[in-house]
């Protein structure tokens, strides 16, 4: 009785864990990569300018590079991602087998009629043939084509200036239109040299890039499968 109870609990736990693994939605974790957390931050350098200089001093000098350079500075990320894939597969298998088996025939060398009669009777029993054959064939083909393009801009903030000079940035943008929310979120590591004169950088130049685009609202809920249907599909074996 106790063994059956344990088996029932184990089966239920495996079923629940399997269902949970299959009905959960995909997610992206925007936590910094491990090497970003381990790398120390660059120390700020104190620059001193002579008093009365025409070029100015402090955080807003007269002549300066307006690119993002410090923690909490803003850099505009131009997201332009294109995904195109095409796959074609064909497979054909065929097999044919034939087998034949036949018993031997005996002959009598003498002129004895009794022996010849006995040999004829044995040949009638021994001369039994067996033949068989099998044929199998399989043919399959499949193709898949996908083209997707996504273009937008997201202003991101420098969270950390690492000791090697690279920046870890993160940004989030939310737009609410007719009770429909659009969420865009990104994070990654960039080089300051890739930021152009307009303080912009292309998403193709972001290392360890994580980009999320999601919709929330009635339209999104109406197109999603209910959790009950997901549960049934997760346990349905056919």
C-alpha atoms as a PDB file:
ATOM      1  CA  UNK A   1       0.000   0.000   0.000  1.00  0.00           C
ATOM      2  CA  UNK A   2       2.800   2.381   0.919  1.00  0.00           C
ATOM      3  CA  UNK A   3       4.717   1.545  -2.275  1.00  0.00           C
ATOM      4  CA  UNK A   4       1.695   2.306  -4.432  1.00  0.00           C
ATOM      5  CA  UNK A   5       1.269   5.649  -2.618  1.00  0.00           C
ATOM      6  CA  UNK A   6       4.900   6.556  -3.294  1.00  0.00           C
ATOM      7  CA  UNK A   7       4.529   5.620  -6.943  1.00  0.00           C
ATOM      8  CA  UNK A   8       1.397   7.745  -7.238  1.00  0.00           C
ATOM      9  CA  UNK A   9       3.156  10.761  -5.705  1.00  0.00           C
ATOM     10  CA  UNK A  10       6.179  10.286  -7.973  1.00  0.00           C
ATOM     11  CA  UNK A  11       4.001   9.994 -11.080  1.00  0.00           C
ATOM     12  CA  UNK A  12       2.033  13.099 -10.136  1.00  0.00           C
ATOM     13  CA  UNK A  13       5.206  15.119  -9.535  1.00  0.00           C
ATOM     14  CA  UNK A  14       6.687  14.042 -12.863  1.00  0.00           C
ATOM     15  CA  UNK A  15       3.438  14.900 -14.631  1.00  0.00           C
ATOM     16  CA  UNK A  16       3.224  18.341 -13.057  1.00  0.00           C
ATOM     17  CA  UNK A  17       6.874  19.118 -13.751  1.00  0.00           C
ATOM     18  CA  UNK A  18       6.522  18.005 -17.355  1.00  0.00           C
ATOM     19  CA  UNK A  19       3.368  20.048 -17.851  1.00  0.00           C
ATOM     20  CA  UNK A  20       4.940  23.094 -16.257  1.00  0.00           C
ATOM     21  CA  UNK A  21       7.957  22.833 -18.528  1.00  0.00           C
ATOM     22  CA  UNK A  22       5.774  22.764 -21.601  1.00  0.00           C
ATOM     23  CA  UNK A  23       3.132  25.370 -20.784  1.00  0.00           C
ATOM     24  CA  UNK A  24       5.391  28.148 -19.495  1.00  0.00           C
ATOM     25  CA  UNK A  25       6.021  31.083 -21.788  1.00  0.00           C
ATOM     26  CA  UNK A  26       9.541  31.808 -23.111  1.00  0.00           C
ATOM     27  CA  UNK A  27      11.334  34.546 -21.218  1.00  0.00           C
ATOM     28  CA  UNK A  28      14.536  36.567 -21.539  1.00  0.00           C
ATOM     29  CA  UNK A  29      16.629  37.375 -18.463  1.00  0.00           C
ATOM     30  CA  UNK A  30      18.191  40.820 -18.779  1.00  0.00           C
ATOM     31  CA  UNK A  31      20.743  40.280 -16.017  1.00  0.00           C
ATOM     32  CA  UNK A  32      24.291  41.261 -16.995  1.00  0.00           C
ATOM     33  CA  UNK A  33      26.618  38.509 -18.231  1.00  0.00           C
ATOM     34  CA  UNK A  34      28.881  36.967 -15.633  1.00  0.00           C
ATOM     35  CA  UNK A  35      32.028  38.638 -16.959  1.00  0.00           C
ATOM     36  CA  UNK A  36      30.360  42.070 -16.729  1.00  0.00           C
ATOM     37  CA  UNK A  37      29.647  41.541 -13.028  1.00  0.00           C
ATOM     38  CA  UNK A  38      33.154  40.214 -12.356  1.00  0.00           C
ATOM     39  CA  UNK A  39      34.994  42.995 -14.215  1.00  0.00           C
ATOM     40  CA  UNK A  40      35.660  46.034 -11.987  1.00  0.00           C
ATOM     41  CA  UNK A  41      34.360  49.437 -12.933  1.00  0.00           C
ATOM     42  CA  UNK A  42      36.681  52.028 -14.384  1.00  0.00           C
ATOM     43  CA  UNK A  43      37.648  54.705 -11.918  1.00  0.00           C
ATOM     44  CA  UNK A  44      36.672  58.236 -12.848  1.00  0.00           C
ATOM     45  CA  UNK A  45      39.616  60.404 -13.778  1.00  0.00           C
ATOM     46  CA  UNK A  46      39.721  63.922 -12.371  1.00  0.00           C
ATOM     47  CA  UNK A  47      40.762  66.405 -15.020  1.00  0.00           C
ATOM     48  CA  UNK A  48      41.875  69.857 -14.062  1.00  0.00           C
ATOM     49  CA  UNK A  49      41.616  72.803 -16.386  1.00  0.00           C
ATOM     50  CA  UNK A  50      43.350  76.071 -15.874  1.00  0.00           C
ATOM     51  CA  UNK A  51      41.147  78.749 -14.379  1.00  0.00           C
ATOM     52  CA  UNK A  52      39.904  81.191 -16.971  1.00  0.00           C
ATOM     53  CA  UNK A  53      40.316  78.785 -19.864  1.00  0.00           C
ATOM     54  CA  UNK A  54      38.184  79.595 -22.914  1.00  0.00           C
ATOM     55  CA  UNK A  55      37.402  75.902 -23.418  1.00  0.00           C
ATOM     56  CA  UNK A  56      35.452  75.660 -20.191  1.00  0.00           C
ATOM     57  CA  UNK A  57      35.630  73.019 -17.535  1.00  0.00           C
ATOM     58  CA  UNK A  58      33.424  70.686 -15.520  1.00  0.00           C
ATOM     59  CA  UNK A  59      30.637  68.528 -16.917  1.00  0.00           C
ATOM     60  CA  UNK A  60      29.658  70.900 -19.743  1.00  0.00           C
ATOM     61  CA  UNK A  61      32.787  72.229 -21.449  1.00  0.00           C
ATOM     62  CA  UNK A  62      32.523  74.452 -24.492  1.00  0.00           C
ATOM     63  CA  UNK A  63      34.189  71.956 -26.816  1.00  0.00           C
ATOM     64  CA  UNK A  64      33.480  68.345 -25.936  1.00  0.00           C
ATOM     65  CA  UNK A  65      32.383  65.083 -27.410  1.00  0.00           C
ATOM     66  CA  UNK A  66      28.653  64.673 -26.878  1.00  0.00           C
ATOM     67  CA  UNK A  67      28.850  60.883 -26.998  1.00  0.00           C
ATOM     68  CA  UNK A  68      27.826  58.915 -23.931  1.00  0.00           C
ATOM     69  CA  UNK A  69      30.898  58.343 -21.774  1.00  0.00           C
ATOM     70  CA  UNK A  70      29.826  58.008 -18.154  1.00  0.00           C
ATOM     71  CA  UNK A  71      27.443  55.972 -16.029  1.00  0.00           C
ATOM     72  CA  UNK A  72      23.813  57.068 -16.503  1.00  0.00           C
ATOM     73  CA  UNK A  73      24.597  58.723 -19.839  1.00  0.00           C
ATOM     74  CA  UNK A  74      22.083  57.999 -22.596  1.00  0.00           C
ATOM     75  CA  UNK A  75      22.928  56.314 -25.901  1.00  0.00           C
ATOM     76  CA  UNK A  76      20.396  55.670 -28.662  1.00  0.00           C
ATOM     77  CA  UNK A  77      20.315  52.111 -29.997  1.00  0.00           C
ATOM     78  CA  UNK A  78      19.066  51.676 -33.548  1.00  0.00           C
ATOM     79  CA  UNK A  79      17.553  48.199 -33.655  1.00  0.00           C
ATOM     80  CA  UNK A  80      17.517  46.789 -37.158  1.00  0.00           C
ATOM     81  CA  UNK A  81      17.304  43.026 -37.108  1.00  0.00           C
ATOM     82  CA  UNK A  82      16.582  40.837 -40.116  1.00  0.00           C
ATOM     83  CA  UNK A  83      16.137  37.087 -39.922  1.00  0.00           C
ATOM     84  CA  UNK A  84      15.931  35.041 -43.100  1.00  0.00           C
ATOM     85  CA  UNK A  85      16.141  31.278 -43.264  1.00  0.00           C
ATOM     86  CA  UNK A  86      15.295  28.644 -45.824  1.00  0.00           C
ATOM     87  CA  UNK A  87      15.529  24.904 -45.397  1.00  0.00           C
ATOM     88  CA  UNK A  88      14.640  22.090 -47.784  1.00  0.00           C
ATOM     89  CA  UNK A  89      14.950  18.425 -46.941  1.00  0.00           C
ATOM     90  CA  UNK A  90      14.203  15.272 -48.887  1.00  0.00           C
ATOM     91  CA  UNK A  91      14.637  11.652 -47.935  1.00  0.00           C
ATOM     92  CA  UNK A  92      13.886   8.443 -49.825  1.00  0.00           C
ATOM     93  CA  UNK A  93      14.455   4.871 -48.640  1.00  0.00           C
ATOM     94  CA  UNK A  94      13.679   1.575 -50.360  1.00  0.00           C
ATOM     95  CA  UNK A  95      14.457  -2.022 -49.518  1.00  0.00           C
ATOM     96  CA  UNK A  96      13.562  -5.358 -51.140  1.00  0.00           C
ATOM     97  CA  UNK A  97      14.365  -8.829 -49.790  1.00  0.00           C
ATOM     98  CA  UNK A  98      13.776 -12.214 -51.429  1.00  0.00           C
ATOM     99  CA  UNK A  99      14.413 -15.618 -49.897  1.00  0.00           C
ATOM    100  CA  UNK A 100      13.998 -19.090 -51.370  1.00  0.00           C
ATOM    101  CA  UNK A 101      14.525 -22.523 -49.821  1.00  0.00           C
ATOM    102  CA  UNK A 102      13.953 -25.891 -51.466  1.00  0.00           C
ATOM    103  CA  UNK A 103      14.516 -29.422 -50.225  1.00  0.00           C
ATOM    104  CA  UNK A 104      16.917 -31.826 -51.939  1.00  0.00           C
ATOM    105  CA  UNK A 105      15.870 -34.664 -54.262  1.00  0.00           C
ATOM    106  CA  UNK A 106      17.274 -38.184 -53.814  1.00  0.00           C
ATOM    107  CA  UNK A 107      17.801 -40.699 -56.613  1.00  0.00           C
ATOM    108  CA  UNK A 108      18.233 -44.458 -56.577  1.00  0.00           C
ATOM    109  CA  UNK A 109      21.249 -45.910 -58.314  1.00  0.00           C
ATOM    110  CA  UNK A 110      20.067 -49.518 -58.554  1.00  0.00           C
ATOM    111  CA  UNK A 111      17.329 -51.257 -60.447  1.00  0.00           C
ATOM    112  CA  UNK A 112      15.398 -52.431 -57.439  1.00  0.00           C
ATOM    113  CA  UNK A 113      11.785 -51.373 -57.898  1.00  0.00           C
ATOM    114  CA  UNK A 114      11.097 -51.378 -54.174  1.00  0.00           C
ATOM    115  CA  UNK A 115      13.974 -49.005 -53.515  1.00  0.00           C
ATOM    116  CA  UNK A 116      12.927 -46.749 -56.376  1.00  0.00           C
ATOM    117  CA  UNK A 117       9.396 -46.630 -54.988  1.00  0.00           C
ATOM    118  CA  UNK A 118      10.662 -45.765 -51.535  1.00  0.00           C
ATOM    119  CA  UNK A 119      12.912 -43.037 -52.966  1.00  0.00           C
ATOM    120  CA  UNK A 120       9.987 -41.547 -54.871  1.00  0.00           C
ATOM    121  CA  UNK A 121       7.916 -41.409 -51.697  1.00  0.00           C
ATOM    122  CA  UNK A 122      10.783 -39.709 -49.817  1.00  0.00           C
ATOM    123  CA  UNK A 123      11.203 -37.191 -52.617  1.00  0.00           C
ATOM    124  CA  UNK A 124       7.528 -36.349 -52.327  1.00  0.00           C
ATOM    125  CA  UNK A 125       8.059 -35.522 -48.665  1.00  0.00           C
ATOM    126  CA  UNK A 126      11.499 -33.898 -48.890  1.00  0.00           C
ATOM    127  CA  UNK A 127      11.010 -31.778 -51.994  1.00  0.00           C
ATOM    128  CA  UNK A 128       9.245 -28.996 -50.100  1.00  0.00           C
ATOM    129  CA  UNK A 129      10.015 -25.418 -51.147  1.00  0.00           C
ATOM    130  CA  UNK A 130       9.851 -22.226 -49.110  1.00  0.00           C
ATOM    131  CA  UNK A 131       9.959 -18.769 -50.589  1.00  0.00           C
ATOM    132  CA  UNK A 132       9.354 -15.324 -49.174  1.00  0.00           C
ATOM    133  CA  UNK A 133       9.888 -11.691 -49.954  1.00  0.00           C
ATOM    134  CA  UNK A 134       9.446  -8.259 -48.442  1.00  0.00           C
ATOM    135  CA  UNK A 135       9.438  -4.765 -49.868  1.00  0.00           C
ATOM    136  CA  UNK A 136       9.473  -1.471 -48.014  1.00  0.00           C
ATOM    137  CA  UNK A 137       9.801   2.101 -49.197  1.00  0.00           C
ATOM    138  CA  UNK A 138       9.710   5.553 -47.620  1.00  0.00           C
ATOM    139  CA  UNK A 139       9.664   8.985 -49.183  1.00  0.00           C
ATOM    140  CA  UNK A 140       9.535  12.249 -47.286  1.00  0.00           C
ATOM    141  CA  UNK A 141      10.155  15.897 -48.028  1.00  0.00           C
ATOM    142  CA  UNK A 142       9.824  19.166 -46.181  1.00  0.00           C
ATOM    143  CA  UNK A 143      10.611  22.828 -46.599  1.00  0.00           C
ATOM    144  CA  UNK A 144      10.542  25.899 -44.380  1.00  0.00           C
ATOM    145  CA  UNK A 145      11.055  29.578 -45.192  1.00  0.00           C
ATOM    146  CA  UNK A 146      11.080  32.511 -42.775  1.00  0.00           C
ATOM    147  CA  UNK A 147      11.651  36.223 -43.319  1.00  0.00           C
ATOM    148  CA  UNK A 148      11.341  38.701 -40.469  1.00  0.00           C
ATOM    149  CA  UNK A 149      12.392  42.342 -40.138  1.00  0.00           C
ATOM    150  CA  UNK A 150      12.244  44.506 -37.016  1.00  0.00           C
ATOM    151  CA  UNK A 151      13.347  48.136 -36.910  1.00  0.00           C
ATOM    152  CA  UNK A 152      13.013  50.674 -34.085  1.00  0.00           C
ATOM    153  CA  UNK A 153      15.067  52.842 -31.731  1.00  0.00           C
ATOM    154  CA  UNK A 154      15.450  52.570 -27.967  1.00  0.00           C
ATOM    155  CA  UNK A 155      17.299  55.019 -25.735  1.00  0.00           C
ATOM    156  CA  UNK A 156      19.486  53.092 -23.303  1.00  0.00           C
ATOM    157  CA  UNK A 157      21.420  54.007 -20.204  1.00  0.00           C
ATOM    158  CA  UNK A 158      25.014  53.161 -19.382  1.00  0.00           C
ATOM    159  CA  UNK A 159      24.851  51.047 -16.261  1.00  0.00           C
ATOM    160  CA  UNK A 160      28.525  50.212 -15.925  1.00  0.00           C
ATOM    161  CA  UNK A 161      31.786  51.390 -17.444  1.00  0.00           C
ATOM    162  CA  UNK A 162      34.095  48.388 -17.273  1.00  0.00           C
ATOM    163  CA  UNK A 163      37.837  48.558 -16.722  1.00  0.00           C
ATOM    164  CA  UNK A 164      38.524  47.766 -20.389  1.00  0.00           C
ATOM    165  CA  UNK A 165      36.481  50.794 -21.454  1.00  0.00           C
ATOM    166  CA  UNK A 166      33.395  48.961 -22.713  1.00  0.00           C
ATOM    167  CA  UNK A 167      29.895  49.905 -21.547  1.00  0.00           C
ATOM    168  CA  UNK A 168      27.117  47.687 -20.288  1.00  0.00           C
ATOM    169  CA  UNK A 169      23.837  49.312 -21.301  1.00  0.00           C
ATOM    170  CA  UNK A 170      20.199  48.577 -20.660  1.00  0.00           C
ATOM    171  CA  UNK A 171      17.072  50.255 -21.977  1.00  0.00           C
ATOM    172  CA  UNK A 172      13.318  49.906 -21.859  1.00  0.00           C
ATOM    173  CA  UNK A 173      10.541  51.544 -23.822  1.00  0.00           C
ATOM    174  CA  UNK A 174       6.794  51.245 -23.283  1.00  0.00           C
ATOM    175  CA  UNK A 175       4.095  52.597 -25.565  1.00  0.00           C
ATOM    176  CA  UNK A 176       0.373  52.539 -24.733  1.00  0.00           C
ATOM    177  CA  UNK A 177      -2.010  52.929 -27.690  1.00  0.00           C
ATOM    178  CA  UNK A 178      -5.748  52.132 -27.364  1.00  0.00           C
ATOM    179  CA  UNK A 179      -5.198  50.016 -24.237  1.00  0.00           C
ATOM    180  CA  UNK A 180      -2.515  48.020 -26.045  1.00  0.00           C
ATOM    181  CA  UNK A 181       0.941  48.184 -24.507  1.00  0.00           C
ATOM    182  CA  UNK A 182       4.082  47.619 -26.559  1.00  0.00           C
ATOM    183  CA  UNK A 183       7.217  46.799 -24.597  1.00  0.00           C
ATOM    184  CA  UNK A 184      10.742  46.986 -25.989  1.00  0.00           C
ATOM    185  CA  UNK A 185      13.678  46.085 -23.800  1.00  0.00           C
ATOM    186  CA  UNK A 186      17.344  45.458 -24.485  1.00  0.00           C
ATOM    187  CA  UNK A 187      20.696  45.005 -22.806  1.00  0.00           C
ATOM    188  CA  UNK A 188      24.241  44.258 -23.903  1.00  0.00           C
ATOM    189  CA  UNK A 189      27.862  45.361 -24.045  1.00  0.00           C
ATOM    190  CA  UNK A 190      29.073  48.034 -26.481  1.00  0.00           C
ATOM    191  CA  UNK A 191      32.362  49.683 -27.367  1.00  0.00           C
ATOM    192  CA  UNK A 192      32.567  53.480 -27.109  1.00  0.00           C
ATOM    193  CA  UNK A 193      34.297  53.555 -30.520  1.00  0.00           C
ATOM    194  CA  UNK A 194      31.130  52.188 -32.181  1.00  0.00           C
ATOM    195  CA  UNK A 195      29.005  55.153 -31.058  1.00  0.00           C
ATOM    196  CA  UNK A 196      28.665  57.600 -33.952  1.00  0.00           C
ATOM    197  CA  UNK A 197      28.677  61.391 -33.857  1.00  0.00           C
ATOM    198  CA  UNK A 198      24.899  61.407 -33.323  1.00  0.00           C
ATOM    199  CA  UNK A 199      25.292  59.369 -30.137  1.00  0.00           C
ATOM    200  CA  UNK A 200      23.750  56.329 -31.841  1.00  0.00           C
ATOM    201  CA  UNK A 201      24.852  52.745 -32.164  1.00  0.00           C
ATOM    202  CA  UNK A 202      23.527  49.885 -34.268  1.00  0.00           C
ATOM    203  CA  UNK A 203      22.156  46.808 -32.539  1.00  0.00           C
ATOM    204  CA  UNK A 204      24.443  44.665 -34.702  1.00  0.00           C
ATOM    205  CA  UNK A 205      27.419  46.049 -32.749  1.00  0.00           C
ATOM    206  CA  UNK A 206      26.094  45.015 -29.329  1.00  0.00           C
ATOM    207  CA  UNK A 207      27.780  42.030 -27.712  1.00  0.00           C
ATOM    208  CA  UNK A 208      25.662  39.625 -25.676  1.00  0.00           C
ATOM    209  CA  UNK A 209      22.623  41.483 -26.986  1.00  0.00           C
ATOM    210  CA  UNK A 210      19.224  40.629 -25.544  1.00  0.00           C
ATOM    211  CA  UNK A 211      16.245  42.220 -27.276  1.00  0.00           C
ATOM    212  CA  UNK A 212      12.623  41.835 -26.266  1.00  0.00           C
ATOM    213  CA  UNK A 213       9.532  43.027 -28.118  1.00  0.00           C
ATOM    214  CA  UNK A 214       6.191  42.112 -26.582  1.00  0.00           C
ATOM    215  CA  UNK A 215       2.551  43.201 -26.671  1.00  0.00           C
ATOM    216  CA  UNK A 216       0.163  43.292 -23.754  1.00  0.00           C
ATOM    217  CA  UNK A 217      -3.586  43.856 -23.949  1.00  0.00           C
ATOM    218  CA  UNK A 218      -6.856  42.384 -25.154  1.00  0.00           C
ATOM    219  CA  UNK A 219      -5.533  41.563 -28.619  1.00  0.00           C
ATOM    220  CA  UNK A 220      -2.597  39.664 -27.191  1.00  0.00           C
ATOM    221  CA  UNK A 221      -4.812  37.779 -24.735  1.00  0.00           C
ATOM    222  CA  UNK A 222      -7.266  36.817 -27.472  1.00  0.00           C
ATOM    223  CA  UNK A 223      -4.499  35.271 -29.548  1.00  0.00           C
ATOM    224  CA  UNK A 224      -3.007  33.302 -26.663  1.00  0.00           C
ATOM    225  CA  UNK A 225      -3.978  29.739 -25.908  1.00  0.00           C
ATOM    226  CA  UNK A 226      -5.660  29.266 -22.535  1.00  0.00           C
ATOM    227  CA  UNK A 227      -3.810  27.529 -19.738  1.00  0.00           C
ATOM    228  CA  UNK A 228      -6.386  24.725 -19.710  1.00  0.00           C
ATOM    229  CA  UNK A 229      -5.767  23.958 -23.380  1.00  0.00           C
ATOM    230  CA  UNK A 230      -2.004  24.105 -22.787  1.00  0.00           C
ATOM    231  CA  UNK A 231      -2.380  21.653 -19.905  1.00  0.00           C
ATOM    232  CA  UNK A 232      -4.390  19.231 -22.030  1.00  0.00           C
ATOM    233  CA  UNK A 233      -1.927  19.476 -24.901  1.00  0.00           C
ATOM    234  CA  UNK A 234       0.960  18.908 -22.512  1.00  0.00           C
ATOM    235  CA  UNK A 235      -0.408  15.591 -21.223  1.00  0.00           C
ATOM    236  CA  UNK A 236      -2.182  14.418 -24.377  1.00  0.00           C
ATOM    237  CA  UNK A 237       0.009  11.691 -25.892  1.00  0.00           C
ATOM    238  CA  UNK A 238      -1.500  11.711 -29.397  1.00  0.00           C
END
